[in-house]
Amino acid sequence: MRKPLRACLLAAGVAVAGLGCVTVSQGGAGYARSSALPAPPDPADNPTTPEKAALGKQLFFDPRLSGDGSMACQGCHYRHLGWTDGLPLSRKVGGGMNTRHTPSVYNTGYYTSWYWDGRAKTLEGQITAAWKAQIGADPVKAAAVIAAVPGYQAGFQKVFGAAPDADNIPKALAAFLRTLNSGEAPWDRHVAGDTTAVSADAVAGHELFVGKAGCAACHTPPLYSDTLFHNVGLEAGKTNPDPGRQAVTKDAKDLSAFKTPSLRSVGIAGPYFHDGSVGSLEGAVRYMASGGKADANKSGLLIDRKLSEKEIGQLVAFLNTLTSDERFTAPILP
């Protein structure tokens, strides 16, 4: 008999408490979601409901939300690419490029700050900032375009009791993003007692992950992120290094520190790191296991773990078992 996943996670020493594994109200009765993680908490002023999330899903795929009507939020976030875009650096409306890699929106509801440097304090705030900077919109003008669509007008009146505007559009989008959570991956099935779910190499890779390789110090299960900021040496030697978290805190110790990404579905989410500088998962594992580049401000957790070729392969095998396969269909736009 398979044991309930939460019980197995607790038995395995998984840090579910850090995610608030107590029962969390999300959308009230009838809001169903299947996930390897407990439901992310909703802010008091924006509870998730199926209707609100459905509106957000439509908006996420709608290029009319952008400044010139050419680019949807989804243009940088694809399900089959782990809700990233597969590019080293993210694109802007009009063809411009950013200086950082597109972060995944997978499991984004579990974070307490957003962007690689954590400058956004709410998911709704991050969405508003990206609405302006990434897809080039004036939120008031873009909201007027959305409000002129009868289907959106009816949907927003039903959900918010008001027309689409610059405040409730980000709320609808945030509600949708809080539903983009990992389903049960092969490793979760293994933890729950399925002895056929993963390979022996993956099991050995997990032992390395929590032991010799030291990965779990920052990539804490079950989210596989501590949601904190670390310098892993990638900016060392650059002419104009990215200040990372320091730009937010103004603290020298945060120079070139970036938020730990979740490793859920990491196997399909390359290229890797905040600068998209490593193209393969194996390359990313090699970089981290080697201790990275020399940098006076680098995290002390990053040291040469002296892994063999076989151990590198086993770590990669384990990480690939964290990829889940949720059913997802694009919405019909009004």
C-alpha atoms as a PDB file:
ATOM      1  CA  MET A   1       0.000   0.000   0.000  1.00  0.00           C
ATOM      2  CA  ARG A   2       1.279   3.459  -0.855  1.00  0.00           C
ATOM      3  CA  LYS A   3       1.510   5.808   2.077  1.00  0.00           C
ATOM      4  CA  PRO A   4       0.141   9.365   1.817  1.00  0.00           C
ATOM      5  CA  LEU A   5       2.811  11.571   0.225  1.00  0.00           C
ATOM      6  CA  ARG A   6       2.891  14.115   3.061  1.00  0.00           C
ATOM      7  CA  ALA A   7       3.512  11.362   5.610  1.00  0.00           C
ATOM      8  CA  CYS A   8       6.319   9.980   3.465  1.00  0.00           C
ATOM      9  CA  LEU A   9       7.902  13.398   3.076  1.00  0.00           C
ATOM     10  CA  LEU A  10       7.856  13.856   6.822  1.00  0.00           C
ATOM     11  CA  ALA A  11       9.268  10.389   7.387  1.00  0.00           C
ATOM     12  CA  ALA A  12      12.061  11.143   4.931  1.00  0.00           C
ATOM     13  CA  GLY A  13      13.017  14.251   6.848  1.00  0.00           C
ATOM     14  CA  VAL A  14      11.729  16.610   4.180  1.00  0.00           C
ATOM     15  CA  ALA A  15      11.351  20.206   5.320  1.00  0.00           C
ATOM     16  CA  VAL A  16       7.669  20.590   4.574  1.00  0.00           C
ATOM     17  CA  ALA A  17       7.195  22.794   7.624  1.00  0.00           C
ATOM     18  CA  GLY A  18       9.088  25.579   5.903  1.00  0.00           C
ATOM     19  CA  LEU A  19       6.339  25.685   3.308  1.00  0.00           C
ATOM     20  CA  GLY A  20       3.515  25.657   5.800  1.00  0.00           C
ATOM     21  CA  CYS A  21       2.375  22.083   5.296  1.00  0.00           C
ATOM     22  CA  VAL A  22      -0.631  22.594   7.531  1.00  0.00           C
ATOM     23  CA  THR A  23      -3.908  22.745   5.673  1.00  0.00           C
ATOM     24  CA  VAL A  24      -4.040  25.949   3.661  1.00  0.00           C
ATOM     25  CA  SER A  25      -7.265  27.418   2.356  1.00  0.00           C
ATOM     26  CA  GLN A  26      -6.971  28.114  -1.351  1.00  0.00           C
ATOM     27  CA  GLY A  27     -10.159  29.051  -3.065  1.00  0.00           C
ATOM     28  CA  GLY A  28     -12.459  27.454  -0.523  1.00  0.00           C
ATOM     29  CA  ALA A  29     -14.533  24.324  -1.010  1.00  0.00           C
ATOM     30  CA  GLY A  30     -14.336  22.798  -4.448  1.00  0.00           C
ATOM     31  CA  TYR A  31     -10.894  24.160  -5.320  1.00  0.00           C
ATOM     32  CA  ALA A  32      -9.047  21.002  -6.296  1.00  0.00           C
ATOM     33  CA  ARG A  33      -5.384  20.678  -7.158  1.00  0.00           C
ATOM     34  CA  SER A  34      -3.077  17.685  -7.336  1.00  0.00           C
ATOM     35  CA  SER A  35       0.450  18.434  -6.253  1.00  0.00           C
ATOM     36  CA  ALA A  36       3.484  16.998  -4.586  1.00  0.00           C
ATOM     37  CA  LEU A  37       3.546  20.162  -2.491  1.00  0.00           C
ATOM     38  CA  PRO A  38       1.042  21.639  -0.059  1.00  0.00           C
ATOM     39  CA  ALA A  39      -1.044  24.448  -1.522  1.00  0.00           C
ATOM     40  CA  PRO A  40       0.781  27.792  -1.514  1.00  0.00           C
ATOM     41  CA  PRO A  41      -0.729  30.419   0.773  1.00  0.00           C
ATOM     42  CA  ASP A  42      -2.906  33.161  -0.666  1.00  0.00           C
ATOM     43  CA  PRO A  43      -2.552  36.797   0.388  1.00  0.00           C
ATOM     44  CA  ALA A  44      -5.523  38.049   2.368  1.00  0.00           C
ATOM     45  CA  ASP A  45      -6.463  40.549  -0.332  1.00  0.00           C
ATOM     46  CA  ASN A  46      -6.306  38.075  -3.218  1.00  0.00           C
ATOM     47  CA  PRO A  47      -7.704  34.612  -2.432  1.00  0.00           C
ATOM     48  CA  THR A  48      -7.469  32.169  -5.316  1.00  0.00           C
ATOM     49  CA  THR A  49     -10.672  30.869  -6.841  1.00  0.00           C
ATOM     50  CA  PRO A  50     -11.136  28.735  -9.974  1.00  0.00           C
ATOM     51  CA  GLU A  51     -12.887  31.603 -11.741  1.00  0.00           C
ATOM     52  CA  LYS A  52     -10.159  34.111 -10.910  1.00  0.00           C
ATOM     53  CA  ALA A  53      -7.409  31.702 -11.947  1.00  0.00           C
ATOM     54  CA  ALA A  54      -9.227  31.018 -15.225  1.00  0.00           C
ATOM     55  CA  LEU A  55      -9.289  34.756 -15.957  1.00  0.00           C
ATOM     56  CA  GLY A  56      -5.594  34.970 -15.158  1.00  0.00           C
ATOM     57  CA  LYS A  57      -4.858  32.051 -17.453  1.00  0.00           C
ATOM     58  CA  GLN A  58      -6.527  33.837 -20.364  1.00  0.00           C
ATOM     59  CA  LEU A  59      -4.640  37.041 -19.622  1.00  0.00           C
ATOM     60  CA  PHE A  60      -1.346  35.160 -19.367  1.00  0.00           C
ATOM     61  CA  PHE A  61      -1.761  33.987 -22.962  1.00  0.00           C
ATOM     62  CA  ASP A  62      -3.194  37.243 -24.343  1.00  0.00           C
ATOM     63  CA  PRO A  63      -0.827  39.550 -26.302  1.00  0.00           C
ATOM     64  CA  ARG A  64      -3.362  42.380 -25.991  1.00  0.00           C
ATOM     65  CA  LEU A  65      -1.974  42.880 -22.490  1.00  0.00           C
ATOM     66  CA  SER A  66       1.328  44.188 -23.909  1.00  0.00           C
ATOM     67  CA  GLY A  67       2.199  47.701 -24.997  1.00  0.00           C
ATOM     68  CA  ASP A  68       2.028  46.986 -28.723  1.00  0.00           C
ATOM     69  CA  GLY A  69      -0.276  43.969 -28.671  1.00  0.00           C
ATOM     70  CA  SER A  70       2.472  41.601 -29.819  1.00  0.00           C
ATOM     71  CA  MET A  71       3.688  39.737 -26.746  1.00  0.00           C
ATOM     72  CA  ALA A  72       1.898  37.739 -24.070  1.00  0.00           C
ATOM     73  CA  CYS A  73       3.348  36.833 -20.674  1.00  0.00           C
ATOM     74  CA  GLN A  74       3.419  33.280 -21.976  1.00  0.00           C
ATOM     75  CA  GLY A  75       5.936  34.379 -24.624  1.00  0.00           C
ATOM     76  CA  CYS A  76       8.676  33.914 -22.022  1.00  0.00           C
ATOM     77  CA  HIS A  77       7.158  30.992 -20.126  1.00  0.00           C
ATOM     78  CA  TYR A  78       6.449  27.641 -21.798  1.00  0.00           C
ATOM     79  CA  ARG A  79       5.215  24.574 -19.944  1.00  0.00           C
ATOM     80  CA  HIS A  80       7.392  22.139 -21.932  1.00  0.00           C
ATOM     81  CA  LEU A  81      10.441  24.240 -21.001  1.00  0.00           C
ATOM     82  CA  GLY A  82       9.678  24.211 -17.284  1.00  0.00           C
ATOM     83  CA  TRP A  83       7.823  27.530 -17.581  1.00  0.00           C
ATOM     84  CA  THR A  84      10.938  29.281 -18.910  1.00  0.00           C
ATOM     85  CA  ASP A  85      11.778  30.132 -22.541  1.00  0.00           C
ATOM     86  CA  GLY A  86      14.888  28.077 -23.299  1.00  0.00           C
ATOM     87  CA  LEU A  87      16.957  31.197 -24.008  1.00  0.00           C
ATOM     88  CA  PRO A  88      20.051  32.379 -22.111  1.00  0.00           C
ATOM     89  CA  LEU A  89      18.565  35.850 -21.563  1.00  0.00           C
ATOM     90  CA  SER A  90      14.922  36.895 -21.531  1.00  0.00           C
ATOM     91  CA  ARG A  91      13.333  38.926 -24.312  1.00  0.00           C
ATOM     92  CA  LYS A  92      11.429  42.184 -24.089  1.00  0.00           C
ATOM     93  CA  VAL A  93       8.618  43.414 -26.306  1.00  0.00           C
ATOM     94  CA  GLY A  94      10.116  44.879 -29.454  1.00  0.00           C
ATOM     95  CA  GLY A  95      13.017  42.420 -29.532  1.00  0.00           C
ATOM     96  CA  GLY A  96      15.214  43.850 -26.778  1.00  0.00           C
ATOM     97  CA  MET A  97      17.038  41.587 -24.367  1.00  0.00           C
ATOM     98  CA  ASN A  98      17.355  41.609 -20.612  1.00  0.00           C
ATOM     99  CA  THR A  99      20.566  40.907 -18.729  1.00  0.00           C
ATOM    100  CA  ARG A 100      19.205  37.862 -16.866  1.00  0.00           C
ATOM    101  CA  HIS A 101      17.716  34.511 -17.698  1.00  0.00           C
ATOM    102  CA  THR A 102      13.936  34.112 -17.560  1.00  0.00           C
ATOM    103  CA  PRO A 103      13.074  32.671 -14.135  1.00  0.00           C
ATOM    104  CA  SER A 104      10.584  29.840 -14.076  1.00  0.00           C
ATOM    105  CA  VAL A 105       7.087  30.629 -12.831  1.00  0.00           C
ATOM    106  CA  TYR A 106       6.752  27.035 -11.633  1.00  0.00           C
ATOM    107  CA  ASN A 107       5.803  26.960  -7.939  1.00  0.00           C
ATOM    108  CA  THR A 108       6.147  30.739  -7.778  1.00  0.00           C
ATOM    109  CA  GLY A 109       3.460  31.011  -5.118  1.00  0.00           C
ATOM    110  CA  TYR A 110       5.811  29.521  -2.521  1.00  0.00           C
ATOM    111  CA  TYR A 111       8.324  32.351  -2.641  1.00  0.00           C
ATOM    112  CA  THR A 112       8.352  35.382  -0.369  1.00  0.00           C
ATOM    113  CA  SER A 113      10.222  37.630  -2.797  1.00  0.00           C
ATOM    114  CA  TRP A 114      10.418  37.639  -6.573  1.00  0.00           C
ATOM    115  CA  TYR A 115      12.950  38.214  -9.366  1.00  0.00           C
ATOM    116  CA  TRP A 116      16.469  36.824  -9.208  1.00  0.00           C
ATOM    117  CA  ASP A 117      17.393  39.610  -6.791  1.00  0.00           C
ATOM    118  CA  GLY A 118      14.180  39.468  -4.738  1.00  0.00           C
ATOM    119  CA  ARG A 119      13.279  43.107  -5.343  1.00  0.00           C
ATOM    120  CA  ALA A 120       9.538  42.425  -5.619  1.00  0.00           C
ATOM    121  CA  LYS A 121       7.850  41.822  -2.273  1.00  0.00           C
ATOM    122  CA  THR A 122       4.590  40.412  -3.649  1.00  0.00           C
ATOM    123  CA  LEU A 123       3.748  38.271  -6.642  1.00  0.00           C
ATOM    124  CA  GLU A 124       1.197  40.866  -7.696  1.00  0.00           C
ATOM    125  CA  GLY A 125       3.893  43.539  -7.514  1.00  0.00           C
ATOM    126  CA  GLN A 126       6.251  41.452  -9.619  1.00  0.00           C
ATOM    127  CA  ILE A 127       3.550  40.986 -12.241  1.00  0.00           C
ATOM    128  CA  THR A 128       2.888  44.717 -12.416  1.00  0.00           C
ATOM    129  CA  ALA A 129       6.603  45.434 -12.819  1.00  0.00           C
ATOM    130  CA  ALA A 130       6.961  42.848 -15.604  1.00  0.00           C
ATOM    131  CA  TRP A 131       3.790  44.166 -17.254  1.00  0.00           C
ATOM    132  CA  LYS A 132       5.520  47.518 -17.582  1.00  0.00           C
ATOM    133  CA  ALA A 133       9.138  46.558 -18.237  1.00  0.00           C
ATOM    134  CA  GLN A 134       8.951  43.180 -19.936  1.00  0.00           C
ATOM    135  CA  ILE A 135       5.983  43.554 -22.254  1.00  0.00           C
ATOM    136  CA  GLY A 136       6.116  47.332 -22.457  1.00  0.00           C
ATOM    137  CA  ALA A 137       2.672  48.261 -21.254  1.00  0.00           C
ATOM    138  CA  ASP A 138       1.132  51.252 -19.574  1.00  0.00           C
ATOM    139  CA  PRO A 139      -1.112  49.281 -17.194  1.00  0.00           C
ATOM    140  CA  VAL A 140      -3.929  51.838 -17.302  1.00  0.00           C
ATOM    141  CA  LYS A 141      -3.995  51.888 -21.102  1.00  0.00           C
ATOM    142  CA  ALA A 142      -3.612  48.126 -21.422  1.00  0.00           C
ATOM    143  CA  ALA A 143      -6.388  47.582 -18.890  1.00  0.00           C
ATOM    144  CA  ALA A 144      -8.670  49.755 -21.027  1.00  0.00           C
ATOM    145  CA  VAL A 145      -7.960  47.495 -24.005  1.00  0.00           C
ATOM    146  CA  ILE A 146      -8.828  44.427 -21.934  1.00  0.00           C
ATOM    147  CA  ALA A 147     -11.939  46.098 -20.536  1.00  0.00           C
ATOM    148  CA  ALA A 148     -13.212  46.683 -24.079  1.00  0.00           C
ATOM    149  CA  VAL A 149     -13.383  42.914 -24.650  1.00  0.00           C
ATOM    150  CA  PRO A 150     -16.920  41.770 -23.701  1.00  0.00           C
ATOM    151  CA  GLY A 151     -15.770  38.382 -22.415  1.00  0.00           C
ATOM    152  CA  TYR A 152     -13.233  39.939 -20.075  1.00  0.00           C
ATOM    153  CA  GLN A 153     -15.694  42.579 -18.946  1.00  0.00           C
ATOM    154  CA  ALA A 154     -18.217  39.894 -17.974  1.00  0.00           C
ATOM    155  CA  GLY A 155     -15.580  37.719 -16.300  1.00  0.00           C
ATOM    156  CA  PHE A 156     -14.141  40.553 -14.205  1.00  0.00           C
ATOM    157  CA  GLN A 157     -17.574  41.735 -13.165  1.00  0.00           C
ATOM    158  CA  LYS A 158     -18.343  38.214 -11.949  1.00  0.00           C
ATOM    159  CA  VAL A 159     -15.043  37.710 -10.097  1.00  0.00           C
ATOM    160  CA  PHE A 160     -14.186  41.225  -8.881  1.00  0.00           C
ATOM    161  CA  GLY A 161     -17.471  43.091  -9.206  1.00  0.00           C
ATOM    162  CA  ALA A 162     -15.594  45.643 -11.311  1.00  0.00           C
ATOM    163  CA  ALA A 163     -14.216  46.188 -14.784  1.00  0.00           C
ATOM    164  CA  PRO A 164     -10.648  45.102 -15.605  1.00  0.00           C
ATOM    165  CA  ASP A 165      -8.164  47.653 -14.279  1.00  0.00           C
ATOM    166  CA  ALA A 166      -4.497  48.070 -13.413  1.00  0.00           C
ATOM    167  CA  ASP A 167      -5.082  46.634  -9.926  1.00  0.00           C
ATOM    168  CA  ASN A 168      -7.252  43.575 -10.517  1.00  0.00           C
ATOM    169  CA  ILE A 169      -5.527  42.342 -13.693  1.00  0.00           C
ATOM    170  CA  PRO A 170      -2.317  41.529 -11.733  1.00  0.00           C
ATOM    171  CA  LYS A 171      -4.475  39.870  -9.083  1.00  0.00           C
ATOM    172  CA  ALA A 172      -6.062  37.588 -11.666  1.00  0.00           C
ATOM    173  CA  LEU A 173      -2.660  36.772 -13.158  1.00  0.00           C
ATOM    174  CA  ALA A 174      -1.233  36.031  -9.703  1.00  0.00           C
ATOM    175  CA  ALA A 175      -4.142  33.715  -8.945  1.00  0.00           C
ATOM    176  CA  PHE A 176      -3.353  31.757 -12.099  1.00  0.00           C
ATOM    177  CA  LEU A 177       0.373  31.611 -11.355  1.00  0.00           C
ATOM    178  CA  ARG A 178      -0.352  30.219  -7.892  1.00  0.00           C
ATOM    179  CA  THR A 179      -1.910  27.195  -9.620  1.00  0.00           C
ATOM    180  CA  LEU A 180       1.239  26.393 -11.640  1.00  0.00           C
ATOM    181  CA  ASN A 181       2.547  23.954  -9.077  1.00  0.00           C
ATOM    182  CA  SER A 182       4.426  20.691  -9.409  1.00  0.00           C
ATOM    183  CA  GLY A 183       2.457  17.522  -9.659  1.00  0.00           C
ATOM    184  CA  GLU A 184       3.818  14.233  -8.451  1.00  0.00           C
ATOM    185  CA  ALA A 185       7.214  13.590 -10.041  1.00  0.00           C
ATOM    186  CA  PRO A 186       8.910  10.168 -10.229  1.00  0.00           C
ATOM    187  CA  TRP A 187      10.930  10.976  -7.107  1.00  0.00           C
ATOM    188  CA  ASP A 188       7.766  11.773  -5.160  1.00  0.00           C
ATOM    189  CA  ARG A 189       6.348   8.415  -6.213  1.00  0.00           C
ATOM    190  CA  HIS A 190       9.550   6.754  -5.035  1.00  0.00           C
ATOM    191  CA  VAL A 191       9.324   8.469  -1.645  1.00  0.00           C
ATOM    192  CA  ALA A 192       5.696   7.352  -1.422  1.00  0.00           C
ATOM    193  CA  GLY A 193       6.711   3.724  -1.828  1.00  0.00           C
ATOM    194  CA  ASP A 194       6.754   3.013  -5.577  1.00  0.00           C
ATOM    195  CA  THR A 195       9.877   0.872  -5.958  1.00  0.00           C
ATOM    196  CA  THR A 196       9.734   1.082  -9.771  1.00  0.00           C
ATOM    197  CA  ALA A 197       9.513   4.862 -10.087  1.00  0.00           C
ATOM    198  CA  VAL A 198      13.231   5.682 -10.401  1.00  0.00           C
ATOM    199  CA  SER A 199      16.527   4.025 -11.260  1.00  0.00           C
ATOM    200  CA  ALA A 200      19.236   2.851  -8.898  1.00  0.00           C
ATOM    201  CA  ASP A 201      21.433   5.665 -10.198  1.00  0.00           C
ATOM    202  CA  ALA A 202      18.777   8.209  -9.237  1.00  0.00           C
ATOM    203  CA  VAL A 203      18.599   6.765  -5.705  1.00  0.00           C
ATOM    204  CA  ALA A 204      22.386   7.001  -5.456  1.00  0.00           C
ATOM    205  CA  GLY A 205      22.178  10.546  -6.802  1.00  0.00           C
ATOM    206  CA  HIS A 206      19.768  11.490  -4.041  1.00  0.00           C
ATOM    207  CA  GLU A 207      22.186  10.163  -1.446  1.00  0.00           C
ATOM    208  CA  LEU A 208      24.847  12.419  -2.967  1.00  0.00           C
ATOM    209  CA  PHE A 209      22.411  15.326  -3.105  1.00  0.00           C
ATOM    210  CA  VAL A 210      21.742  15.229   0.634  1.00  0.00           C
ATOM    211  CA  GLY A 211      25.226  14.067   1.541  1.00  0.00           C
ATOM    212  CA  LYS A 212      28.615  14.338  -0.164  1.00  0.00           C
ATOM    213  CA  ALA A 213      27.550  16.846  -2.842  1.00  0.00           C
ATOM    214  CA  GLY A 214      25.936  19.179  -0.292  1.00  0.00           C
ATOM    215  CA  CYS A 215      23.167  20.297  -2.656  1.00  0.00           C
ATOM    216  CA  ALA A 216      20.348  20.133  -0.101  1.00  0.00           C
ATOM    217  CA  ALA A 217      21.978  22.867   2.001  1.00  0.00           C
ATOM    218  CA  CYS A 218      20.434  25.396  -0.404  1.00  0.00           C
ATOM    219  CA  HIS A 219      18.057  23.288  -2.497  1.00  0.00           C
ATOM    220  CA  THR A 220      15.857  22.254   0.401  1.00  0.00           C
ATOM    221  CA  PRO A 221      13.066  19.712  -0.284  1.00  0.00           C
ATOM    222  CA  PRO A 222      10.238  19.580  -1.089  1.00  0.00           C
ATOM    223  CA  LEU A 223      10.476  22.848  -3.074  1.00  0.00           C
ATOM    224  CA  TYR A 224      14.191  22.214  -3.559  1.00  0.00           C
ATOM    225  CA  SER A 225      14.992  25.843  -2.762  1.00  0.00           C
ATOM    226  CA  ASP A 226      15.741  27.640   0.477  1.00  0.00           C
ATOM    227  CA  THR A 227      14.334  30.826  -1.165  1.00  0.00           C
ATOM    228  CA  LEU A 228      17.477  32.661  -0.001  1.00  0.00           C
ATOM    229  CA  PHE A 229      20.255  34.431  -1.923  1.00  0.00           C
ATOM    230  CA  HIS A 230      23.748  33.116  -2.611  1.00  0.00           C
ATOM    231  CA  ASN A 231      26.784  34.147  -4.631  1.00  0.00           C
ATOM    232  CA  VAL A 232      27.982  31.115  -6.601  1.00  0.00           C
ATOM    233  CA  GLY A 233      30.864  32.862  -8.358  1.00  0.00           C
ATOM    234  CA  LEU A 234      29.341  33.293 -11.807  1.00  0.00           C
ATOM    235  CA  GLU A 235      29.982  37.052 -11.933  1.00  0.00           C
ATOM    236  CA  ALA A 236      33.682  36.701 -11.104  1.00  0.00           C
ATOM    237  CA  GLY A 237      35.922  38.179 -13.788  1.00  0.00           C
ATOM    238  CA  LYS A 238      33.175  40.012 -15.637  1.00  0.00           C
ATOM    239  CA  THR A 239      33.845  43.610 -16.691  1.00  0.00           C
ATOM    240  CA  ASN A 240      30.483  44.784 -15.371  1.00  0.00           C
ATOM    241  CA  PRO A 241      29.368  42.184 -12.827  1.00  0.00           C
ATOM    242  CA  ASP A 242      25.695  41.975 -11.993  1.00  0.00           C
ATOM    243  CA  PRO A 243      25.286  43.262  -8.405  1.00  0.00           C
ATOM    244  CA  GLY A 244      22.405  40.874  -7.771  1.00  0.00           C
ATOM    245  CA  ARG A 245      20.832  41.121  -4.331  1.00  0.00           C
ATOM    246  CA  GLN A 246      23.143  43.988  -3.352  1.00  0.00           C
ATOM    247  CA  ALA A 247      21.199  46.325  -5.632  1.00  0.00           C
ATOM    248  CA  VAL A 248      18.210  45.740  -3.351  1.00  0.00           C
ATOM    249  CA  THR A 249      19.774  45.602   0.111  1.00  0.00           C
ATOM    250  CA  LYS A 250      22.803  47.912  -0.496  1.00  0.00           C
ATOM    251  CA  ASP A 251      24.735  45.448   1.660  1.00  0.00           C
ATOM    252  CA  ALA A 252      28.219  44.530   0.393  1.00  0.00           C
ATOM    253  CA  LYS A 253      27.824  40.927   1.537  1.00  0.00           C
ATOM    254  CA  ASP A 254      25.005  40.508  -0.974  1.00  0.00           C
ATOM    255  CA  LEU A 255      27.162  41.380  -3.977  1.00  0.00           C
ATOM    256  CA  SER A 256      26.271  39.112  -6.914  1.00  0.00           C
ATOM    257  CA  ALA A 257      24.027  36.937  -4.757  1.00  0.00           C
ATOM    258  CA  PHE A 258      20.928  35.533  -6.467  1.00  0.00           C
ATOM    259  CA  LYS A 259      17.885  33.627  -5.312  1.00  0.00           C
ATOM    260  CA  THR A 260      18.158  29.852  -5.145  1.00  0.00           C
ATOM    261  CA  PRO A 261      15.923  28.479  -7.904  1.00  0.00           C
ATOM    262  CA  SER A 262      13.676  25.517  -7.254  1.00  0.00           C
ATOM    263  CA  LEU A 263      14.897  22.295  -8.819  1.00  0.00           C
ATOM    264  CA  ARG A 264      11.392  21.038  -9.534  1.00  0.00           C
ATOM    265  CA  SER A 265      11.357  20.158 -13.275  1.00  0.00           C
ATOM    266  CA  VAL A 266      14.906  21.509 -13.573  1.00  0.00           C
ATOM    267  CA  GLY A 267      15.706  18.875 -16.187  1.00  0.00           C
ATOM    268  CA  ILE A 268      13.610  20.684 -18.809  1.00  0.00           C
ATOM    269  CA  ALA A 269      14.339  24.260 -17.716  1.00  0.00           C
ATOM    270  CA  GLY A 270      17.760  25.010 -19.212  1.00  0.00           C
ATOM    271  CA  PRO A 271      19.862  26.981 -19.789  1.00  0.00           C
ATOM    272  CA  TYR A 272      20.840  27.469 -16.179  1.00  0.00           C
ATOM    273  CA  PHE A 273      21.720  30.124 -13.592  1.00  0.00           C
ATOM    274  CA  HIS A 274      20.700  33.774 -13.446  1.00  0.00           C
ATOM    275  CA  ASP A 275      22.770  34.599 -16.540  1.00  0.00           C
ATOM    276  CA  GLY A 276      21.788  31.544 -18.567  1.00  0.00           C
ATOM    277  CA  SER A 277      25.478  30.820 -19.008  1.00  0.00           C
ATOM    278  CA  VAL A 278      25.377  27.018 -18.721  1.00  0.00           C
ATOM    279  CA  GLY A 279      23.496  25.144 -21.394  1.00  0.00           C
ATOM    280  CA  SER A 280      23.099  21.684 -19.899  1.00  0.00           C
ATOM    281  CA  LEU A 281      22.002  20.235 -16.584  1.00  0.00           C
ATOM    282  CA  GLU A 282      25.180  18.173 -16.461  1.00  0.00           C
ATOM    283  CA  GLY A 283      27.207  21.353 -16.971  1.00  0.00           C
ATOM    284  CA  ALA A 284      25.362  23.079 -14.139  1.00  0.00           C
ATOM    285  CA  VAL A 285      25.988  20.121 -11.811  1.00  0.00           C
ATOM    286  CA  ARG A 286      29.662  20.075 -12.764  1.00  0.00           C
ATOM    287  CA  TYR A 287      30.018  23.790 -12.082  1.00  0.00           C
ATOM    288  CA  MET A 288      28.399  23.628  -8.645  1.00  0.00           C
ATOM    289  CA  ALA A 289      30.158  20.395  -7.639  1.00  0.00           C
ATOM    290  CA  SER A 290      33.534  21.867  -8.571  1.00  0.00           C
ATOM    291  CA  GLY A 291      33.059  24.829  -6.241  1.00  0.00           C
ATOM    292  CA  GLY A 292      32.597  27.355  -9.036  1.00  0.00           C
ATOM    293  CA  LYS A 293      34.880  30.256  -9.937  1.00  0.00           C
ATOM    294  CA  ALA A 294      37.030  32.029  -7.387  1.00  0.00           C
ATOM    295  CA  ASP A 295      35.200  34.999  -5.891  1.00  0.00           C
ATOM    296  CA  ALA A 296      35.933  36.725  -2.582  1.00  0.00           C
ATOM    297  CA  ASN A 297      32.194  37.056  -1.943  1.00  0.00           C
ATOM    298  CA  LYS A 298      31.233  33.518  -2.949  1.00  0.00           C
ATOM    299  CA  SER A 299      29.142  31.445  -0.573  1.00  0.00           C
ATOM    300  CA  GLY A 300      31.179  29.259   1.751  1.00  0.00           C
ATOM    301  CA  LEU A 301      28.838  26.395   0.900  1.00  0.00           C
ATOM    302  CA  LEU A 302      30.335  26.231  -2.576  1.00  0.00           C
ATOM    303  CA  ILE A 303      33.439  24.035  -2.410  1.00  0.00           C
ATOM    304  CA  ASP A 304      34.962  21.366  -4.612  1.00  0.00           C
ATOM    305  CA  ARG A 305      33.034  18.228  -3.706  1.00  0.00           C
ATOM    306  CA  LYS A 306      35.495  16.000  -5.612  1.00  0.00           C
ATOM    307  CA  LEU A 307      32.800  14.006  -7.363  1.00  0.00           C
ATOM    308  CA  SER A 308      33.643  11.278  -9.837  1.00  0.00           C
ATOM    309  CA  GLU A 309      32.207  11.081 -13.341  1.00  0.00           C
ATOM    310  CA  LYS A 310      29.864   8.368 -12.148  1.00  0.00           C
ATOM    311  CA  GLU A 311      28.659  10.538  -9.247  1.00  0.00           C
ATOM    312  CA  ILE A 312      28.025  13.481 -11.575  1.00  0.00           C
ATOM    313  CA  GLY A 313      25.868  11.204 -13.709  1.00  0.00           C
ATOM    314  CA  GLN A 314      24.004   9.922 -10.667  1.00  0.00           C
ATOM    315  CA  LEU A 315      23.215  13.460  -9.510  1.00  0.00           C
ATOM    316  CA  VAL A 316      21.862  14.299 -12.954  1.00  0.00           C
ATOM    317  CA  ALA A 317      19.773  11.121 -12.892  1.00  0.00           C
ATOM    318  CA  PHE A 318      18.254  12.148  -9.564  1.00  0.00           C
ATOM    319  CA  LEU A 319      17.530  15.710 -10.685  1.00  0.00           C
ATOM    320  CA  ASN A 320      15.710  14.422 -13.752  1.00  0.00           C
ATOM    321  CA  THR A 321      13.336  12.490 -11.474  1.00  0.00           C
ATOM    322  CA  LEU A 322      12.050  15.837 -10.142  1.00  0.00           C
ATOM    323  CA  THR A 323      10.308  16.555 -13.459  1.00  0.00           C
ATOM    324  CA  SER A 324       6.543  16.211 -13.243  1.00  0.00           C
ATOM    325  CA  ASP A 325       4.112  16.001 -16.145  1.00  0.00           C
ATOM    326  CA  GLU A 326       0.983  17.971 -15.400  1.00  0.00           C
ATOM    327  CA  ARG A 327      -1.774  18.181 -17.963  1.00  0.00           C
ATOM    328  CA  PHE A 328      -2.034  21.704 -19.316  1.00  0.00           C
ATOM    329  CA  THR A 329      -4.076  23.161 -22.140  1.00  0.00           C
ATOM    330  CA  ALA A 330      -3.950  26.679 -23.503  1.00  0.00           C
ATOM    331  CA  PRO A 331      -7.101  28.731 -22.895  1.00  0.00           C
ATOM    332  CA  ILE A 332      -9.553  30.055 -25.458  1.00  0.00           C
ATOM    333  CA  LEU A 333      -9.272  33.841 -25.442  1.00  0.00           C
ATOM    334  CA  PRO A 334     -12.410  36.006 -25.357  1.00  0.00           C
END
